[in-house]
Amino acid sequence: MNELSNLLDSLTTELRRGTLTLAVLSQLSTPQYGYSLVQLLEKSGIMIDQSTLYPLLRRLEKQELVTSSWDTEQSRPRKYYQISDFGIDLFNKLKIEWEKMNEELKILLEGVE
């Protein structure tokens, strides 16, 4: 049973990894800092560790899908992230691909008992 559980955890992580980019981009139409983004995602049922989120945000910034800026006016400086115009374009295309794959999988899974 432990082997099954470990394999399930591993495969679930693989499935989630592919969807996190879409989930994160979906929440960046307004500027968000890391912790606020974690809260937004968790509110929707998507659990993400900060140790996963920050490398993802850095990668998305490097790919020019998000931009960042520092707010130093608070007592604690915060780095805010927002989706770029390029990111919006890519997000819209990814969303279409996700919906297409979701429908295709739904058809396949409905036939499985």
N, C-alpha and C. Protein backbone atom coordinates (compact mmCIF):
# COMPACT_ATOMS: atom_id res chain seq x y z
N MET A 1 0.82 -1.19 0.00
CA MET A 1 0.00 0.00 0.00
C MET A 1 0.87 1.26 0.00
N ASN A 2 1.98 1.21 0.70
CA ASN A 2 2.88 2.36 0.76
C ASN A 2 3.46 2.68 -0.61
N GLU A 3 3.77 1.63 -1.38
CA GLU A 3 4.30 1.82 -2.74
C GLU A 3 3.26 2.52 -3.62
N LEU A 4 2.01 2.10 -3.51
CA LEU A 4 0.93 2.72 -4.26
C LEU A 4 0.78 4.19 -3.87
N SER A 5 0.82 4.45 -2.60
CA SER A 5 0.69 5.82 -2.10
C SER A 5 1.83 6.71 -2.59
N ASN A 6 3.05 6.18 -2.55
CA ASN A 6 4.21 6.94 -3.03
C ASN A 6 4.11 7.24 -4.52
N LEU A 7 3.70 6.25 -5.28
CA LEU A 7 3.56 6.43 -6.72
C LEU A 7 2.45 7.43 -7.03
N LEU A 8 1.34 7.33 -6.31
CA LEU A 8 0.24 8.27 -6.49
C LEU A 8 0.71 9.70 -6.18
N ASP A 9 1.43 9.88 -5.09
CA ASP A 9 1.96 11.20 -4.74
C ASP A 9 2.87 11.74 -5.84
N SER A 10 3.72 10.91 -6.35
CA SER A 10 4.65 11.31 -7.40
C SER A 10 3.92 11.73 -8.68
N LEU A 11 2.96 10.92 -9.09
CA LEU A 11 2.21 11.21 -10.32
C LEU A 11 1.31 12.43 -10.14
N THR A 12 0.75 12.60 -8.96
CA THR A 12 -0.07 13.78 -8.68
C THR A 12 0.79 15.04 -8.75
N THR A 13 1.99 14.96 -8.23
CA THR A 13 2.92 16.10 -8.31
C THR A 13 3.22 16.44 -9.75
N GLU A 14 3.41 15.43 -10.59
CA GLU A 14 3.65 15.67 -12.02
C GLU A 14 2.46 16.36 -12.67
N LEU A 15 1.26 15.91 -12.36
CA LEU A 15 0.05 16.53 -12.92
C LEU A 15 -0.06 18.00 -12.48
N ARG A 16 0.17 18.24 -11.20
CA ARG A 16 0.06 19.60 -10.66
C ARG A 16 1.11 20.53 -11.25
N ARG A 17 2.30 20.02 -11.45
CA ARG A 17 3.41 20.85 -11.95
C ARG A 17 3.02 21.52 -13.27
N GLY A 18 2.35 20.78 -14.11
CA GLY A 18 1.95 21.33 -15.40
C GLY A 18 0.85 22.36 -15.32
N THR A 19 0.08 22.33 -14.24
CA THR A 19 -1.04 23.26 -14.13
C THR A 19 -0.70 24.50 -13.31
N LEU A 20 0.37 24.48 -12.55
CA LEU A 20 0.69 25.60 -11.68
C LEU A 20 0.98 26.88 -12.46
N THR A 21 1.64 26.77 -13.59
CA THR A 21 1.92 27.96 -14.41
C THR A 21 0.62 28.63 -14.81
N LEU A 22 -0.32 27.85 -15.27
CA LEU A 22 -1.62 28.38 -15.67
C LEU A 22 -2.33 29.01 -14.47
N ALA A 23 -2.29 28.34 -13.34
CA ALA A 23 -2.95 28.85 -12.13
C ALA A 23 -2.33 30.17 -11.68
N VAL A 24 -1.01 30.23 -11.66
CA VAL A 24 -0.32 31.45 -11.22
C VAL A 24 -0.61 32.60 -12.18
N LEU A 25 -0.47 32.36 -13.47
CA LEU A 25 -0.73 33.43 -14.43
C LEU A 25 -2.16 33.94 -14.32
N SER A 26 -3.10 33.06 -14.00
CA SER A 26 -4.51 33.46 -13.91
C SER A 26 -4.76 34.46 -12.78
N GLN A 27 -3.86 34.52 -11.82
CA GLN A 27 -4.07 35.38 -10.66
C GLN A 27 -3.25 36.67 -10.68
N LEU A 28 -2.54 36.91 -11.77
CA LEU A 28 -1.64 38.06 -11.81
C LEU A 28 -2.13 39.21 -12.68
N SER A 29 -3.43 39.31 -12.89
CA SER A 29 -3.94 40.47 -13.64
C SER A 29 -3.80 41.74 -12.80
N THR A 30 -3.78 41.57 -11.49
CA THR A 30 -3.45 42.68 -10.60
C THR A 30 -2.17 42.29 -9.86
N PRO A 31 -1.34 43.25 -9.50
CA PRO A 31 -0.07 42.94 -8.85
C PRO A 31 -0.27 42.15 -7.55
N GLN A 32 0.52 41.12 -7.38
CA GLN A 32 0.47 40.28 -6.18
C GLN A 32 1.90 40.05 -5.69
N TYR A 33 2.07 40.02 -4.39
CA TYR A 33 3.35 39.58 -3.84
C TYR A 33 3.20 38.11 -3.47
N GLY A 34 4.29 37.47 -3.20
CA GLY A 34 4.29 36.02 -3.03
C GLY A 34 3.24 35.48 -2.09
N TYR A 35 3.19 36.02 -0.87
CA TYR A 35 2.25 35.47 0.12
C TYR A 35 0.80 35.72 -0.30
N SER A 36 0.51 36.88 -0.88
CA SER A 36 -0.87 37.14 -1.32
C SER A 36 -1.26 36.18 -2.44
N LEU A 37 -0.30 35.83 -3.27
CA LEU A 37 -0.56 34.88 -4.35
C LEU A 37 -0.83 33.49 -3.79
N VAL A 38 -0.05 33.08 -2.80
CA VAL A 38 -0.28 31.80 -2.13
C VAL A 38 -1.69 31.76 -1.57
N GLN A 39 -2.11 32.85 -0.91
CA GLN A 39 -3.45 32.90 -0.32
C GLN A 39 -4.54 32.80 -1.39
N LEU A 40 -4.37 33.53 -2.50
CA LEU A 40 -5.36 33.47 -3.58
C LEU A 40 -5.49 32.05 -4.13
N LEU A 41 -4.35 31.41 -4.36
CA LEU A 41 -4.37 30.06 -4.90
C LEU A 41 -4.99 29.08 -3.91
N GLU A 42 -4.62 29.19 -2.64
CA GLU A 42 -5.17 28.29 -1.63
C GLU A 42 -6.67 28.48 -1.47
N LYS A 43 -7.13 29.71 -1.61
CA LYS A 43 -8.56 30.00 -1.52
C LYS A 43 -9.33 29.25 -2.62
N SER A 44 -8.66 29.01 -3.74
CA SER A 44 -9.27 28.27 -4.85
C SER A 44 -9.01 26.77 -4.75
N GLY A 45 -8.33 26.35 -3.69
CA GLY A 45 -8.07 24.92 -3.49
C GLY A 45 -6.74 24.45 -4.03
N ILE A 46 -5.92 25.37 -4.54
CA ILE A 46 -4.62 24.99 -5.08
C ILE A 46 -3.55 25.28 -4.03
N MET A 47 -2.99 24.22 -3.48
CA MET A 47 -1.97 24.36 -2.46
C MET A 47 -0.61 24.47 -3.14
N ILE A 48 0.17 25.48 -2.74
CA ILE A 48 1.50 25.67 -3.31
C ILE A 48 2.44 26.16 -2.22
N ASP A 49 3.57 25.53 -2.11
CA ASP A 49 4.59 25.95 -1.15
C ASP A 49 5.33 27.16 -1.71
N GLN A 50 5.79 28.01 -0.82
CA GLN A 50 6.58 29.16 -1.26
C GLN A 50 7.87 28.69 -1.94
N SER A 51 8.37 27.54 -1.51
CA SER A 51 9.59 27.00 -2.13
C SER A 51 9.35 26.55 -3.57
N THR A 52 8.11 26.37 -3.95
CA THR A 52 7.74 26.07 -5.34
C THR A 52 7.37 27.34 -6.07
N LEU A 53 6.67 28.23 -5.39
CA LEU A 53 6.17 29.45 -6.02
C LEU A 53 7.27 30.39 -6.48
N TYR A 54 8.23 30.69 -5.60
CA TYR A 54 9.23 31.70 -5.95
C TYR A 54 10.12 31.30 -7.13
N PRO A 55 10.59 30.05 -7.20
CA PRO A 55 11.33 29.66 -8.42
C PRO A 55 10.45 29.75 -9.68
N LEU A 56 9.17 29.41 -9.55
CA LEU A 56 8.26 29.52 -10.68
C LEU A 56 8.11 30.97 -11.11
N LEU A 57 7.94 31.88 -10.16
CA LEU A 57 7.83 33.30 -10.49
C LEU A 57 9.10 33.82 -11.16
N ARG A 58 10.26 33.39 -10.67
CA ARG A 58 11.53 33.82 -11.29
C ARG A 58 11.63 33.30 -12.72
N ARG A 59 11.20 32.06 -12.94
CA ARG A 59 11.22 31.50 -14.29
C ARG A 59 10.26 32.25 -15.21
N LEU A 60 9.07 32.54 -14.72
CA LEU A 60 8.09 33.28 -15.52
C LEU A 60 8.59 34.68 -15.84
N GLU A 61 9.31 35.27 -14.90
CA GLU A 61 9.88 36.60 -15.15
C GLU A 61 10.99 36.52 -16.19
N LYS A 62 11.81 35.51 -16.10
CA LYS A 62 12.89 35.31 -17.07
C LYS A 62 12.32 35.07 -18.47
N GLN A 63 11.17 34.40 -18.54
CA GLN A 63 10.51 34.13 -19.82
C GLN A 63 9.69 35.33 -20.30
N GLU A 64 9.72 36.40 -19.52
CA GLU A 64 9.01 37.66 -19.82
C GLU A 64 7.50 37.51 -19.81
N LEU A 65 7.01 36.54 -19.05
CA LEU A 65 5.56 36.35 -18.91
C LEU A 65 5.00 37.19 -17.77
N VAL A 66 5.85 37.53 -16.81
CA VAL A 66 5.47 38.41 -15.71
C VAL A 66 6.53 39.48 -15.54
N THR A 67 6.11 40.59 -14.96
CA THR A 67 7.04 41.65 -14.59
C THR A 67 7.00 41.77 -13.08
N SER A 68 8.01 42.40 -12.53
CA SER A 68 8.03 42.58 -11.08
C SER A 68 8.48 44.00 -10.74
N SER A 69 8.05 44.43 -9.57
CA SER A 69 8.48 45.73 -9.06
C SER A 69 8.46 45.67 -7.54
N TRP A 70 9.33 46.46 -6.94
CA TRP A 70 9.42 46.49 -5.48
C TRP A 70 8.57 47.63 -4.94
N ASP A 71 7.86 47.35 -3.86
CA ASP A 71 7.16 48.38 -3.11
C ASP A 71 7.94 48.55 -1.81
N THR A 72 8.61 49.67 -1.70
CA THR A 72 9.43 49.92 -0.51
C THR A 72 8.77 50.94 0.42
N GLU A 73 7.53 51.29 0.14
CA GLU A 73 6.84 52.29 0.97
C GLU A 73 6.27 51.69 2.24
N GLN A 74 6.10 50.40 2.28
CA GLN A 74 5.63 49.72 3.49
C GLN A 74 6.82 49.54 4.43
N SER A 75 6.54 49.14 5.66
CA SER A 75 7.63 48.90 6.61
C SER A 75 8.50 47.72 6.15
N ARG A 76 7.89 46.85 5.37
CA ARG A 76 8.60 45.67 4.86
C ARG A 76 8.52 45.70 3.34
N PRO A 77 9.65 45.82 2.65
CA PRO A 77 9.60 45.84 1.18
C PRO A 77 9.02 44.55 0.63
N ARG A 78 8.21 44.69 -0.42
CA ARG A 78 7.61 43.52 -1.06
C ARG A 78 7.81 43.60 -2.55
N LYS A 79 8.08 42.45 -3.13
CA LYS A 79 8.21 42.37 -4.58
C LYS A 79 6.87 41.92 -5.14
N TYR A 80 6.32 42.75 -6.01
CA TYR A 80 5.02 42.46 -6.63
C TYR A 80 5.23 41.94 -8.04
N TYR A 81 4.40 40.98 -8.40
CA TYR A 81 4.45 40.38 -9.73
C TYR A 81 3.13 40.66 -10.44
N GLN A 82 3.22 40.88 -11.76
CA GLN A 82 2.03 41.08 -12.57
C GLN A 82 2.28 40.48 -13.95
N ILE A 83 1.22 39.96 -14.53
CA ILE A 83 1.35 39.35 -15.85
C ILE A 83 1.66 40.44 -16.88
N SER A 84 2.55 40.14 -17.81
CA SER A 84 2.93 41.09 -18.87
C SER A 84 1.96 40.94 -20.04
N ASP A 85 2.06 41.84 -21.01
CA ASP A 85 1.23 41.72 -22.21
C ASP A 85 1.53 40.41 -22.93
N PHE A 86 2.81 40.07 -23.02
CA PHE A 86 3.22 38.80 -23.62
C PHE A 86 2.63 37.63 -22.83
N GLY A 87 2.65 37.76 -21.50
CA GLY A 87 2.09 36.73 -20.62
C GLY A 87 0.60 36.56 -20.80
N ILE A 88 -0.11 37.69 -21.00
CA ILE A 88 -1.56 37.62 -21.23
C ILE A 88 -1.85 36.84 -22.51
N ASP A 89 -1.08 37.14 -23.55
CA ASP A 89 -1.27 36.44 -24.82
C ASP A 89 -1.02 34.95 -24.65
N LEU A 90 0.08 34.61 -24.00
CA LEU A 90 0.40 33.20 -23.78
C LEU A 90 -0.63 32.54 -22.87
N PHE A 91 -1.04 33.23 -21.82
CA PHE A 91 -2.04 32.70 -20.90
C PHE A 91 -3.33 32.34 -21.64
N ASN A 92 -3.79 33.23 -22.50
CA ASN A 92 -5.02 32.97 -23.25
C ASN A 92 -4.88 31.74 -24.14
N LYS A 93 -3.72 31.56 -24.74
CA LYS A 93 -3.47 30.38 -25.58
C LYS A 93 -3.37 29.11 -24.72
N LEU A 94 -2.68 29.22 -23.58
CA LEU A 94 -2.59 28.07 -22.68
C LEU A 94 -3.95 27.67 -22.15
N LYS A 95 -4.77 28.65 -21.84
CA LYS A 95 -6.11 28.38 -21.34
C LYS A 95 -6.93 27.59 -22.37
N ILE A 96 -6.82 27.96 -23.64
CA ILE A 96 -7.51 27.24 -24.70
C ILE A 96 -7.00 25.80 -24.78
N GLU A 97 -5.67 25.63 -24.71
CA GLU A 97 -5.09 24.28 -24.75
C GLU A 97 -5.56 23.46 -23.56
N TRP A 98 -5.59 24.08 -22.37
CA TRP A 98 -6.03 23.38 -21.16
C TRP A 98 -7.47 22.92 -21.33
N GLU A 99 -8.34 23.81 -21.80
CA GLU A 99 -9.75 23.46 -21.97
C GLU A 99 -9.91 22.34 -22.99
N LYS A 100 -9.12 22.37 -24.05
CA LYS A 100 -9.17 21.32 -25.06
C LYS A 100 -8.73 19.98 -24.47
N MET A 101 -7.60 19.98 -23.77
CA MET A 101 -7.11 18.74 -23.16
C MET A 101 -8.08 18.23 -22.11
N ASN A 102 -8.66 19.13 -21.34
CA ASN A 102 -9.61 18.75 -20.31
C ASN A 102 -10.82 18.04 -20.93
N GLU A 103 -11.33 18.58 -22.02
CA GLU A 103 -12.47 17.96 -22.71
C GLU A 103 -12.08 16.59 -23.28
N GLU A 104 -10.89 16.51 -23.86
CA GLU A 104 -10.44 15.23 -24.43
C GLU A 104 -10.30 14.17 -23.33
N LEU A 105 -9.72 14.55 -22.20
CA LEU A 105 -9.56 13.61 -21.10
C LEU A 105 -10.91 13.23 -20.50
N LYS A 106 -11.80 14.19 -20.43
CA LYS A 106 -13.15 13.91 -19.90
C LYS A 106 -13.82 12.83 -20.72
N ILE A 107 -13.72 12.93 -22.04
CA ILE A 107 -14.30 11.92 -22.93
C ILE A 107 -13.68 10.54 -22.66
N LEU A 108 -12.35 10.53 -22.55
CA LEU A 108 -11.67 9.25 -22.30
C LEU A 108 -12.05 8.68 -20.93
N LEU A 109 -12.09 9.51 -19.93
CA LEU A 109 -12.34 9.03 -18.57
C LEU A 109 -13.79 8.63 -18.32
N GLU A 110 -14.72 9.20 -19.08
CA GLU A 110 -16.12 8.81 -18.93
C GLU A 110 -16.35 7.38 -19.34
N GLY A 111 -15.50 6.85 -20.22
CA GLY A 111 -15.64 5.47 -20.67
C GLY A 111 -14.98 4.47 -19.75
N VAL A 112 -14.26 4.97 -18.74
CA VAL A 112 -13.55 4.08 -17.80
C VAL A 112 -14.36 3.94 -16.53
N GLU A 113 -14.53 2.70 -16.10
CA GLU A 113 -15.28 2.48 -14.85
C GLU A 113 -14.36 2.10 -13.73
